[in-house]
PDB file of N, CA and C in Angstrom:
ATOM      1  N   MET A   1      51.969  51.436 -49.105  1.00  0.00           N
ATOM      2  CA  MET A   1      51.577  52.716 -49.651  1.00  0.00           C
ATOM      3  C   MET A   1      52.843  53.470 -50.059  1.00  0.00           C
ATOM      4  N   PRO A   2      52.831  54.155 -51.208  1.00  0.00           N
ATOM      5  CA  PRO A   2      54.017  54.896 -51.643  1.00  0.00           C
ATOM      6  C   PRO A   2      54.396  56.014 -50.664  1.00  0.00           C
ATOM      7  N   THR A   3      55.699  56.271 -50.586  1.00  0.00           N
ATOM      8  CA  THR A   3      56.234  57.324 -49.731  1.00  0.00           C
ATOM      9  C   THR A   3      56.646  58.509 -50.597  1.00  0.00           C
ATOM     10  N   PHE A   4      56.346  59.726 -50.109  1.00  0.00           N
ATOM     11  CA  PHE A   4      56.684  60.943 -50.830  1.00  0.00           C
ATOM     12  C   PHE A   4      57.410  61.901 -49.898  1.00  0.00           C
ATOM     13  N   ILE A   5      58.234  62.745 -50.504  1.00  0.00           N
ATOM     14  CA  ILE A   5      58.940  63.792 -49.786  1.00  0.00           C
ATOM     15  C   ILE A   5      58.506  65.116 -50.396  1.00  0.00           C
ATOM     16  N   LEU A   6      58.096  66.040 -49.548  1.00  0.00           N
ATOM     17  CA  LEU A   6      57.656  67.360 -49.983  1.00  0.00           C
ATOM     18  C   LEU A   6      58.623  68.398 -49.429  1.00  0.00           C
ATOM     19  N   LEU A   7      59.246  69.162 -50.311  1.00  0.00           N
ATOM     20  CA  LEU A   7      60.128  70.254 -49.922  1.00  0.00           C
ATOM     21  C   LEU A   7      59.407  71.563 -50.204  1.00  0.00           C
ATOM     22  N   THR A   8      59.376  72.450 -49.213  1.00  0.00           N
ATOM     23  CA  THR A   8      58.608  73.683 -49.334  1.00  0.00           C
ATOM     24  C   THR A   8      59.453  74.896 -48.964  1.00  0.00           C
ATOM     25  N   LYS A   9      59.390  75.916 -49.800  1.00  0.00           N
ATOM     26  CA  LYS A   9      60.034  77.205 -49.532  1.00  0.00           C
ATOM     27  C   LYS A   9      58.931  78.237 -49.385  1.00  0.00           C
ATOM     28  N   LEU A  10      58.909  78.918 -48.245  1.00  0.00           N
ATOM     29  CA  LEU A  10      57.893  79.932 -47.989  1.00  0.00           C
ATOM     30  C   LEU A  10      58.411  81.318 -48.330  1.00  0.00           C
ATOM     31  N   ALA A  11      57.490  82.234 -48.563  1.00  0.00           N
ATOM     32  CA  ALA A  11      57.859  83.629 -48.749  1.00  0.00           C
ATOM     33  C   ALA A  11      58.449  84.141 -47.436  1.00  0.00           C
ATOM     34  N   PRO A  12      59.472  84.994 -47.476  1.00  0.00           N
ATOM     35  CA  PRO A  12      60.111  85.472 -46.240  1.00  0.00           C
ATOM     36  C   PRO A  12      59.133  86.089 -45.248  1.00  0.00           C
ATOM     37  N   GLU A  13      58.131  86.787 -45.725  1.00  0.00           N
ATOM     38  CA  GLU A  13      57.195  87.446 -44.816  1.00  0.00           C
ATOM     39  C   GLU A  13      56.264  86.464 -44.105  1.00  0.00           C
ATOM     40  N   SER A  14      56.197  85.218 -44.548  1.00  0.00           N
ATOM     41  CA  SER A  14      55.284  84.249 -43.929  1.00  0.00           C
ATOM     42  C   SER A  14      55.826  83.680 -42.614  1.00  0.00           C
ATOM     43  N   SER A  15      57.079  83.914 -42.312  1.00  0.00           N
ATOM     44  CA  SER A  15      57.673  83.367 -41.085  1.00  0.00           C
ATOM     45  C   SER A  15      58.069  84.465 -40.113  1.00  0.00           C
ATOM     46  N   GLN A  16      57.313  85.540 -40.054  1.00  0.00           N
ATOM     47  CA  GLN A  16      57.659  86.689 -39.215  1.00  0.00           C
ATOM     48  C   GLN A  16      57.603  86.372 -37.720  1.00  0.00           C
ATOM     49  N   SER A  17      56.604  85.604 -37.277  1.00  0.00           N
ATOM     50  CA  SER A  17      56.515  85.277 -35.849  1.00  0.00           C
ATOM     51  C   SER A  17      56.209  83.792 -35.686  1.00  0.00           C
ATOM     52  N   ALA A  18      56.631  83.256 -34.561  1.00  0.00           N
ATOM     53  CA  ALA A  18      56.395  81.838 -34.290  1.00  0.00           C
ATOM     54  C   ALA A  18      54.906  81.540 -34.229  1.00  0.00           C
ATOM     55  N   GLN A  19      54.145  82.448 -33.643  1.00  0.00           N
ATOM     56  CA  GLN A  19      52.710  82.231 -33.491  1.00  0.00           C
ATOM     57  C   GLN A  19      51.994  82.194 -34.846  1.00  0.00           C
ATOM     58  N   SER A  20      52.320  83.134 -35.732  1.00  0.00           N
ATOM     59  CA  SER A  20      51.667  83.140 -37.048  1.00  0.00           C
ATOM     60  C   SER A  20      52.128  81.957 -37.892  1.00  0.00           C
ATOM     61  N   ARG A  21      53.395  81.575 -37.751  1.00  0.00           N
ATOM     62  CA  ARG A  21      53.911  80.420 -38.497  1.00  0.00           C
ATOM     63  C   ARG A  21      53.210  79.142 -38.042  1.00  0.00           C
ATOM     64  N   LYS A  22      53.008  79.013 -36.729  1.00  0.00           N
ATOM     65  CA  LYS A  22      52.335  77.837 -36.184  1.00  0.00           C
ATOM     66  C   LYS A  22      50.893  77.769 -36.688  1.00  0.00           C
ATOM     67  N   ALA A  23      50.194  78.893 -36.684  1.00  0.00           N
ATOM     68  CA  ALA A  23      48.810  78.940 -37.168  1.00  0.00           C
ATOM     69  C   ALA A  23      48.744  78.593 -38.652  1.00  0.00           C
ATOM     70  N   MET A  24      49.702  79.097 -39.416  1.00  0.00           N
ATOM     71  CA  MET A  24      49.748  78.803 -40.853  1.00  0.00           C
ATOM     72  C   MET A  24      49.956  77.301 -41.090  1.00  0.00           C
ATOM     73  N   GLY A  25      50.840  76.703 -40.307  1.00  0.00           N
ATOM     74  CA  GLY A  25      51.098  75.271 -40.435  1.00  0.00           C
ATOM     75  C   GLY A  25      49.878  74.431 -40.085  1.00  0.00           C
ATOM     76  N   LYS A  26      49.164  74.821 -39.028  1.00  0.00           N
ATOM     77  CA  LYS A  26      47.952  74.090 -38.639  1.00  0.00           C
ATOM     78  C   LYS A  26      46.880  74.182 -39.717  1.00  0.00           C
ATOM     79  N   GLU A  27      46.724  75.372 -40.295  1.00  0.00           N
ATOM     80  CA  GLU A  27      45.734  75.561 -41.355  1.00  0.00           C
ATOM     81  C   GLU A  27      46.074  74.698 -42.569  1.00  0.00           C
ATOM     82  N   TRP A  28      47.361  74.669 -42.934  1.00  0.00           N
ATOM     83  CA  TRP A  28      47.800  73.848 -44.062  1.00  0.00           C
ATOM     84  C   TRP A  28      47.487  72.371 -43.801  1.00  0.00           C
ATOM     85  N   LEU A  29      47.827  71.901 -42.598  1.00  0.00           N
ATOM     86  CA  LEU A  29      47.602  70.497 -42.256  1.00  0.00           C
ATOM     87  C   LEU A  29      46.119  70.150 -42.293  1.00  0.00           C
ATOM     88  N   GLN A  30      45.264  71.041 -41.804  1.00  0.00           N
ATOM     89  CA  GLN A  30      43.819  70.806 -41.849  1.00  0.00           C
ATOM     90  C   GLN A  30      43.322  70.712 -43.289  1.00  0.00           C
ATOM     91  N   ARG A  31      43.858  71.574 -44.163  1.00  0.00           N
ATOM     92  CA  ARG A  31      43.459  71.537 -45.573  1.00  0.00           C
ATOM     93  C   ARG A  31      43.891  70.227 -46.230  1.00  0.00           C
ATOM     94  N   VAL A  32      45.103  69.776 -45.915  1.00  0.00           N
ATOM     95  CA  VAL A  32      45.589  68.514 -46.483  1.00  0.00           C
ATOM     96  C   VAL A  32      44.735  67.351 -45.987  1.00  0.00           C
ATOM     97  N   LYS A  33      44.463  67.314 -44.685  1.00  0.00           N
ATOM     98  CA  LYS A  33      43.664  66.216 -44.125  1.00  0.00           C
ATOM     99  C   LYS A  33      42.257  66.182 -44.717  1.00  0.00           C
ATOM    100  N   ALA A  34      41.666  67.341 -44.963  1.00  0.00           N
ATOM    101  CA  ALA A  34      40.314  67.396 -45.538  1.00  0.00           C
ATOM    102  C   ALA A  34      40.310  66.949 -46.996  1.00  0.00           C
ATOM    103  N   ALA A  35      41.301  67.366 -47.758  1.00  0.00           N
ATOM    104  CA  ALA A  35      41.332  67.058 -49.192  1.00  0.00           C
ATOM    105  C   ALA A  35      41.973  65.708 -49.506  1.00  0.00           C
ATOM    106  N   CYS A  36      42.801  65.221 -48.598  1.00  0.00           N
ATOM    107  CA  CYS A  36      43.575  63.992 -48.843  1.00  0.00           C
ATOM    108  C   CYS A  36      43.521  63.093 -47.607  1.00  0.00           C
ATOM    109  N   PRO A  37      42.361  62.518 -47.304  1.00  0.00           N
ATOM    110  CA  PRO A  37      42.239  61.739 -46.062  1.00  0.00           C
ATOM    111  C   PRO A  37      43.144  60.513 -45.994  1.00  0.00           C
ATOM    112  N   GLY A  38      43.652  60.029 -47.114  1.00  0.00           N
ATOM    113  CA  GLY A  38      44.511  58.848 -47.104  1.00  0.00           C
ATOM    114  C   GLY A  38      45.962  59.134 -46.803  1.00  0.00           C
ATOM    115  N   VAL A  39      46.328  60.407 -46.642  1.00  0.00           N
ATOM    116  CA  VAL A  39      47.726  60.775 -46.401  1.00  0.00           C
ATOM    117  C   VAL A  39      48.092  60.530 -44.937  1.00  0.00           C
ATOM    118  N   LYS A  40      49.251  59.910 -44.737  1.00  0.00           N
ATOM    119  CA  LYS A  40      49.765  59.648 -43.386  1.00  0.00           C
ATOM    120  C   LYS A  40      51.146  60.297 -43.286  1.00  0.00           C
ATOM    121  N   PHE A  41      51.261  61.320 -42.434  1.00  0.00           N
ATOM    122  CA  PHE A  41      52.540  62.007 -42.271  1.00  0.00           C
ATOM    123  C   PHE A  41      53.463  61.187 -41.380  1.00  0.00           C
ATOM    124  N   LEU A  42      54.701  61.021 -41.829  1.00  0.00           N
ATOM    125  CA  LEU A  42      55.703  60.259 -41.095  1.00  0.00           C
ATOM    126  C   LEU A  42      56.683  61.170 -40.374  1.00  0.00           C
ATOM    127  N   ALA A  43      56.981  62.345 -40.967  1.00  0.00           N
ATOM    128  CA  ALA A  43      57.939  63.274 -40.352  1.00  0.00           C
ATOM    129  C   ALA A  43      57.756  64.664 -40.939  1.00  0.00           C
ATOM    130  N   HIS A  44      58.110  65.679 -40.139  1.00  0.00           N
ATOM    131  CA  HIS A  44      58.063  67.073 -40.561  1.00  0.00           C
ATOM    132  C   HIS A  44      59.309  67.750 -39.995  1.00  0.00           C
ATOM    133  N   TYR A  45      60.105  68.350 -40.864  1.00  0.00           N
ATOM    134  CA  TYR A  45      61.359  68.967 -40.443  1.00  0.00           C
ATOM    135  C   TYR A  45      61.458  70.394 -40.960  1.00  0.00           C
ATOM    136  N   ALA A  46      62.010  71.283 -40.157  1.00  0.00           N
ATOM    137  CA  ALA A  46      62.505  72.571 -40.620  1.00  0.00           C
ATOM    138  C   ALA A  46      63.952  72.303 -41.026  1.00  0.00           C
ATOM    139  N   ILE A  47      64.339  72.748 -42.212  1.00  0.00           N
ATOM    140  CA  ILE A  47      65.659  72.373 -42.733  1.00  0.00           C
ATOM    141  C   ILE A  47      66.460  73.599 -43.173  1.00  0.00           C
ATOM    142  N   LEU A  48      67.757  73.422 -43.271  1.00  0.00           N
ATOM    143  CA  LEU A  48      68.664  74.428 -43.811  1.00  0.00           C
ATOM    144  C   LEU A  48      68.799  74.195 -45.306  1.00  0.00           C
ATOM    145  N   GLY A  49      69.146  75.216 -46.044  1.00  0.00           N
ATOM    146  CA  GLY A  49      69.340  75.070 -47.482  1.00  0.00           C
ATOM    147  C   GLY A  49      68.297  75.850 -48.250  1.00  0.00           C
ATOM    148  N   PRO A  50      68.068  75.488 -49.498  1.00  0.00           N
ATOM    149  CA  PRO A  50      67.165  76.271 -50.345  1.00  0.00           C
ATOM    150  C   PRO A  50      65.686  76.129 -49.979  1.00  0.00           C
ATOM    151  N   TYR A  51      65.340  75.143 -49.182  1.00  0.00           N
ATOM    152  CA  TYR A  51      63.951  74.954 -48.752  1.00  0.00           C
ATOM    153  C   TYR A  51      63.854  75.160 -47.248  1.00  0.00           C
ATOM    154  N   ASP A  52      62.638  75.480 -46.794  1.00  0.00           N
ATOM    155  CA  ASP A  52      62.409  75.727 -45.375  1.00  0.00           C
ATOM    156  C   ASP A  52      61.937  74.491 -44.616  1.00  0.00           C
ATOM    157  N   PHE A  53      61.144  73.653 -45.293  1.00  0.00           N
ATOM    158  CA  PHE A  53      60.542  72.496 -44.632  1.00  0.00           C
ATOM    159  C   PHE A  53      60.596  71.266 -45.515  1.00  0.00           C
ATOM    160  N   MET A  54      60.660  70.113 -44.844  1.00  0.00           N
ATOM    161  CA  MET A  54      60.591  68.828 -45.529  1.00  0.00           C
ATOM    162  C   MET A  54      59.572  67.961 -44.791  1.00  0.00           C
ATOM    163  N   ASP A  55      58.610  67.460 -45.544  1.00  0.00           N
ATOM    164  CA  ASP A  55      57.625  66.533 -45.000  1.00  0.00           C
ATOM    165  C   ASP A  55      57.813  65.191 -45.671  1.00  0.00           C
ATOM    166  N   ILE A  56      57.755  64.141 -44.892  1.00  0.00           N
ATOM    167  CA  ILE A  56      57.800  62.775 -45.417  1.00  0.00           C
ATOM    168  C   ILE A  56      56.454  62.164 -45.087  1.00  0.00           C
ATOM    169  N   TYR A  57      55.781  61.658 -46.116  1.00  0.00           N
ATOM    170  CA  TYR A  57      54.436  61.132 -45.896  1.00  0.00           C
ATOM    171  C   TYR A  57      54.135  59.991 -46.856  1.00  0.00           C
ATOM    172  N   GLU A  58      53.138  59.219 -46.495  1.00  0.00           N
ATOM    173  CA  GLU A  58      52.631  58.162 -47.370  1.00  0.00           C
ATOM    174  C   GLU A  58      51.317  58.645 -47.962  1.00  0.00           C
ATOM    175  N   ALA A  59      51.106  58.311 -49.224  1.00  0.00           N
ATOM    176  CA  ALA A  59      49.866  58.659 -49.915  1.00  0.00           C
ATOM    177  C   ALA A  59      49.449  57.464 -50.764  1.00  0.00           C
ATOM    178  N   PRO A  60      48.159  57.316 -50.986  1.00  0.00           N
ATOM    179  CA  PRO A  60      47.699  56.167 -51.755  1.00  0.00           C
ATOM    180  C   PRO A  60      48.204  56.136 -53.194  1.00  0.00           C
ATOM    181  N   ASP A  61      48.490  57.319 -53.764  1.00  0.00           N
ATOM    182  CA  ASP A  61      48.906  57.367 -55.168  1.00  0.00           C
ATOM    183  C   ASP A  61      49.529  58.729 -55.479  1.00  0.00           C
ATOM    184  N   ALA A  62      50.082  58.847 -56.691  1.00  0.00           N
ATOM    185  CA  ALA A  62      50.745  60.085 -57.101  1.00  0.00           C
ATOM    186  C   ALA A  62      49.765  61.249 -57.229  1.00  0.00           C
ATOM    187  N   GLU A  63      48.528  60.980 -57.618  1.00  0.00           N
ATOM    188  CA  GLU A  63      47.551  62.068 -57.729  1.00  0.00           C
ATOM    189  C   GLU A  63      47.289  62.712 -56.366  1.00  0.00           C
ATOM    190  N   THR A  64      47.236  61.919 -55.328  1.00  0.00           N
ATOM    191  CA  THR A  64      47.056  62.466 -53.989  1.00  0.00           C
ATOM    192  C   THR A  64      48.274  63.305 -53.607  1.00  0.00           C
ATOM    193  N   ALA A  65      49.467  62.850 -53.963  1.00  0.00           N
ATOM    194  CA  ALA A  65      50.683  63.624 -53.693  1.00  0.00           C
ATOM    195  C   ALA A  65      50.646  64.956 -54.440  1.00  0.00           C
ATOM    196  N   HIS A  66      50.105  64.952 -55.656  1.00  0.00           N
ATOM    197  CA  HIS A  66      49.938  66.208 -56.392  1.00  0.00           C
ATOM    198  C   HIS A  66      49.030  67.161 -55.630  1.00  0.00           C
ATOM    199  N   LYS A  67      47.966  66.650 -55.049  1.00  0.00           N
ATOM    200  CA  LYS A  67      47.055  67.494 -54.270  1.00  0.00           C
ATOM    201  C   LYS A  67      47.778  68.141 -53.093  1.00  0.00           C
ATOM    202  N   VAL A  68      48.594  67.361 -52.388  1.00  0.00           N
ATOM    203  CA  VAL A  68      49.349  67.905 -51.251  1.00  0.00           C
ATOM    204  C   VAL A  68      50.238  69.055 -51.734  1.00  0.00           C
ATOM    205  N   SER A  69      50.904  68.858 -52.860  1.00  0.00           N
ATOM    206  CA  SER A  69      51.761  69.894 -53.419  1.00  0.00           C
ATOM    207  C   SER A  69      50.961  71.132 -53.817  1.00  0.00           C
ATOM    208  N   LEU A  70      49.822  70.925 -54.437  1.00  0.00           N
ATOM    209  CA  LEU A  70      48.977  72.048 -54.854  1.00  0.00           C
ATOM    210  C   LEU A  70      48.442  72.829 -53.661  1.00  0.00           C
ATOM    211  N   ILE A  71      48.091  72.126 -52.597  1.00  0.00           N
ATOM    212  CA  ILE A  71      47.626  72.799 -51.380  1.00  0.00           C
ATOM    213  C   ILE A  71      48.750  73.655 -50.805  1.00  0.00           C
ATOM    214  N   SER A  72      49.978  73.173 -50.870  1.00  0.00           N
ATOM    215  CA  SER A  72      51.120  73.945 -50.385  1.00  0.00           C
ATOM    216  C   SER A  72      51.309  75.218 -51.195  1.00  0.00           C
ATOM    217  N   ARG A  73      51.201  75.098 -52.496  1.00  0.00           N
ATOM    218  CA  ARG A  73      51.332  76.285 -53.360  1.00  0.00           C
ATOM    219  C   ARG A  73      50.214  77.271 -53.083  1.00  0.00           C
ATOM    220  N   ALA A  74      48.992  76.774 -52.958  1.00  0.00           N
ATOM    221  CA  ALA A  74      47.844  77.648 -52.702  1.00  0.00           C
ATOM    222  C   ALA A  74      47.948  78.318 -51.332  1.00  0.00           C
ATOM    223  N   GLY A  75      48.675  77.687 -50.407  1.00  0.00           N
ATOM    224  CA  GLY A  75      48.815  78.221 -49.055  1.00  0.00           C
ATOM    225  C   GLY A  75      49.957  79.205 -48.885  1.00  0.00           C
ATOM    226  N   GLY A  76      50.609  79.583 -49.976  1.00  0.00           N
ATOM    227  CA  GLY A  76      51.646  80.606 -49.877  1.00  0.00           C
ATOM    228  C   GLY A  76      53.071  80.146 -50.102  1.00  0.00           C
ATOM    229  N   ALA A  77      53.283  78.893 -50.419  1.00  0.00           N
ATOM    230  CA  ALA A  77      54.643  78.445 -50.716  1.00  0.00           C
ATOM    231  C   ALA A  77      55.087  79.050 -52.047  1.00  0.00           C
ATOM    232  N   VAL A  78      56.309  79.559 -52.087  1.00  0.00           N
ATOM    233  CA  VAL A  78      56.817  80.134 -53.330  1.00  0.00           C
ATOM    234  C   VAL A  78      57.520  79.080 -54.183  1.00  0.00           C
ATOM    235  N   SER A  79      57.875  77.971 -53.552  1.00  0.00           N
ATOM    236  CA  SER A  79      58.512  76.884 -54.281  1.00  0.00           C
ATOM    237  C   SER A  79      58.192  75.571 -53.580  1.00  0.00           C
ATOM    238  N   VAL A  80      57.851  74.570 -54.374  1.00  0.00           N
ATOM    239  CA  VAL A  80      57.505  73.254 -53.842  1.00  0.00           C
ATOM    240  C   VAL A  80      58.112  72.197 -54.752  1.00  0.00           C
ATOM    241  N   GLU A  81      58.713  71.184 -54.159  1.00  0.00           N
ATOM    242  CA  GLU A  81      59.169  70.003 -54.900  1.00  0.00           C
ATOM    243  C   GLU A  81      58.629  68.776 -54.210  1.00  0.00           C
ATOM    244  N   SER A  82      58.159  67.826 -55.001  1.00  0.00           N
ATOM    245  CA  SER A  82      57.685  66.551 -54.465  1.00  0.00           C
ATOM    246  C   SER A  82      58.477  65.432 -55.112  1.00  0.00           C
ATOM    247  N   TRP A  83      58.902  64.507 -54.296  1.00  0.00           N
ATOM    248  CA  TRP A  83      59.660  63.351 -54.776  1.00  0.00           C
ATOM    249  C   TRP A  83      59.014  62.087 -54.252  1.00  0.00           C
ATOM    250  N   GLN A  84      59.020  61.042 -55.076  1.00  0.00           N
ATOM    251  CA  GLN A  84      58.592  59.741 -54.572  1.00  0.00           C
ATOM    252  C   GLN A  84      59.834  59.009 -54.097  1.00  0.00           C
ATOM    253  N   ALA A  85      59.735  58.326 -52.965  1.00  0.00           N
ATOM    254  CA  ALA A  85      60.875  57.630 -52.374  1.00  0.00           C
ATOM    255  C   ALA A  85      60.566  56.146 -52.232  1.00  0.00           C
ATOM    256  N   VAL A  86      61.604  55.339 -52.374  1.00  0.00           N
ATOM    257  CA  VAL A  86      61.495  53.889 -52.199  1.00  0.00           C
ATOM    258  C   VAL A  86      62.450  53.496 -51.079  1.00  0.00           C
ATOM    259  N   PRO A  87      62.001  52.712 -50.104  1.00  0.00           N
ATOM    260  CA  PRO A  87      62.923  52.264 -49.049  1.00  0.00           C
ATOM    261  C   PRO A  87      64.146  51.568 -49.664  1.00  0.00           C
ATOM    262  N   TYR A  88      65.294  51.745 -49.025  1.00  0.00           N
ATOM    263  CA  TYR A  88      66.546  51.239 -49.579  1.00  0.00           C
ATOM    264  C   TYR A  88      66.518  49.733 -49.829  1.00  0.00           C
ATOM    265  N   GLU A  89      65.950  48.970 -48.911  1.00  0.00           N
ATOM    266  CA  GLU A  89      65.884  47.513 -49.104  1.00  0.00           C
ATOM    267  C   GLU A  89      65.071  47.159 -50.351  1.00  0.00           C
ATOM    268  N   ARG A  90      63.975  47.885 -50.582  1.00  0.00           N
ATOM    269  CA  ARG A  90      63.169  47.651 -51.787  1.00  0.00           C
ATOM    270  C   ARG A  90      63.954  48.043 -53.031  1.00  0.00           C
ATOM    271  N   PHE A  91      64.718  49.128 -52.944  1.00  0.00           N
ATOM    272  CA  PHE A  91      65.578  49.544 -54.045  1.00  0.00           C
ATOM    273  C   PHE A  91      66.544  48.426 -54.427  1.00  0.00           C
ATOM    274  N   LEU A  92      67.147  47.804 -53.412  1.00  0.00           N
ATOM    275  CA  LEU A  92      68.073  46.704 -53.689  1.00  0.00           C
ATOM    276  C   LEU A  92      67.370  45.532 -54.355  1.00  0.00           C
ATOM    277  N   GLN A  93      66.128  45.250 -53.951  1.00  0.00           N
ATOM    278  CA  GLN A  93      65.353  44.187 -54.603  1.00  0.00           C
ATOM    279  C   GLN A  93      65.100  44.531 -56.073  1.00  0.00           C
ATOM    280  N   LEU A  94      64.720  45.764 -56.327  1.00  0.00           N
ATOM    281  CA  LEU A  94      64.470  46.191 -57.700  1.00  0.00           C
ATOM    282  C   LEU A  94      65.740  46.110 -58.536  1.00  0.00           C
ATOM    283  N   LEU A  95      66.848  46.528 -57.943  1.00  0.00           N
ATOM    284  CA  LEU A  95      68.131  46.460 -58.632  1.00  0.00           C
ATOM    285  C   LEU A  95      68.457  45.017 -59.004  1.00  0.00           C
ATOM    286  N   GLY A  96      68.211  44.095 -58.087  1.00  0.00           N
ATOM    287  CA  GLY A  96      68.439  42.682 -58.364  1.00  0.00           C
ATOM    288  C   GLY A  96      67.559  42.149 -59.482  1.00  0.00           C
ATOM    289  N   GLU A  97      66.373  42.713 -59.641  1.00  0.00           N
ATOM    290  CA  GLU A  97      65.470  42.283 -60.712  1.00  0.00           C
ATOM    291  C   GLU A  97      65.935  42.761 -62.086  1.00  0.00           C
ATOM    292  N   VAL A  98      66.594  43.921 -62.150  1.00  0.00           N
ATOM    293  CA  VAL A  98      67.024  44.437 -63.445  1.00  0.00           C
ATOM    294  C   VAL A  98      68.490  44.156 -63.729  1.00  0.00           C
ATOM    295  N   GLN A  99      69.273  43.867 -62.694  1.00  0.00           N
ATOM    296  CA  GLN A  99      70.676  43.531 -62.861  1.00  0.00           C
ATOM    297  C   GLN A  99      71.019  42.306 -62.029  1.00  0.00           C
ATOM    298  N   PRO A 100      70.544  41.143 -62.457  1.00  0.00           N
ATOM    299  CA  PRO A 100      70.846  39.937 -61.666  1.00  0.00           C
ATOM    300  C   PRO A 100      72.358  39.719 -61.557  1.00  0.00           C
ATOM    301  N   GLU A 101      72.785  39.270 -60.373  1.00  0.00           N
ATOM    302  CA  GLU A 101      74.205  38.986 -60.184  1.00  0.00           C
ATOM    303  C   GLU A 101      74.593  37.765 -61.004  1.00  0.00           C
ATOM    304  N   SER A 102      75.817  37.809 -61.573  1.00  0.00           N
ATOM    305  CA  SER A 102      76.265  36.664 -62.369  1.00  0.00           C
ATOM    306  C   SER A 102      76.989  35.661 -61.553  1.00  0.00           C
TER     307      SER A 102
END
């Protein structure tokens, strides 16, 4: 199953208290699970930098990944980026297919 990375930036007022932030996160996860039952979350991180959170997950296809991103936007994210990721070993295999060693 393809792997995706979701970077999310929340509005400053959405992280006022730990309790409200936790409730917001649970609600988001419930919405994703209901709308995208094939999604399997691999990791969830609070991060430093221009984004607040990074989720790594598997989804059956890019359209499902779009749904996850749209749910994040609808849930109050002011900025969302989604990336598709390929494991490094698979990347090396692909590289070998397009640039065979001489």
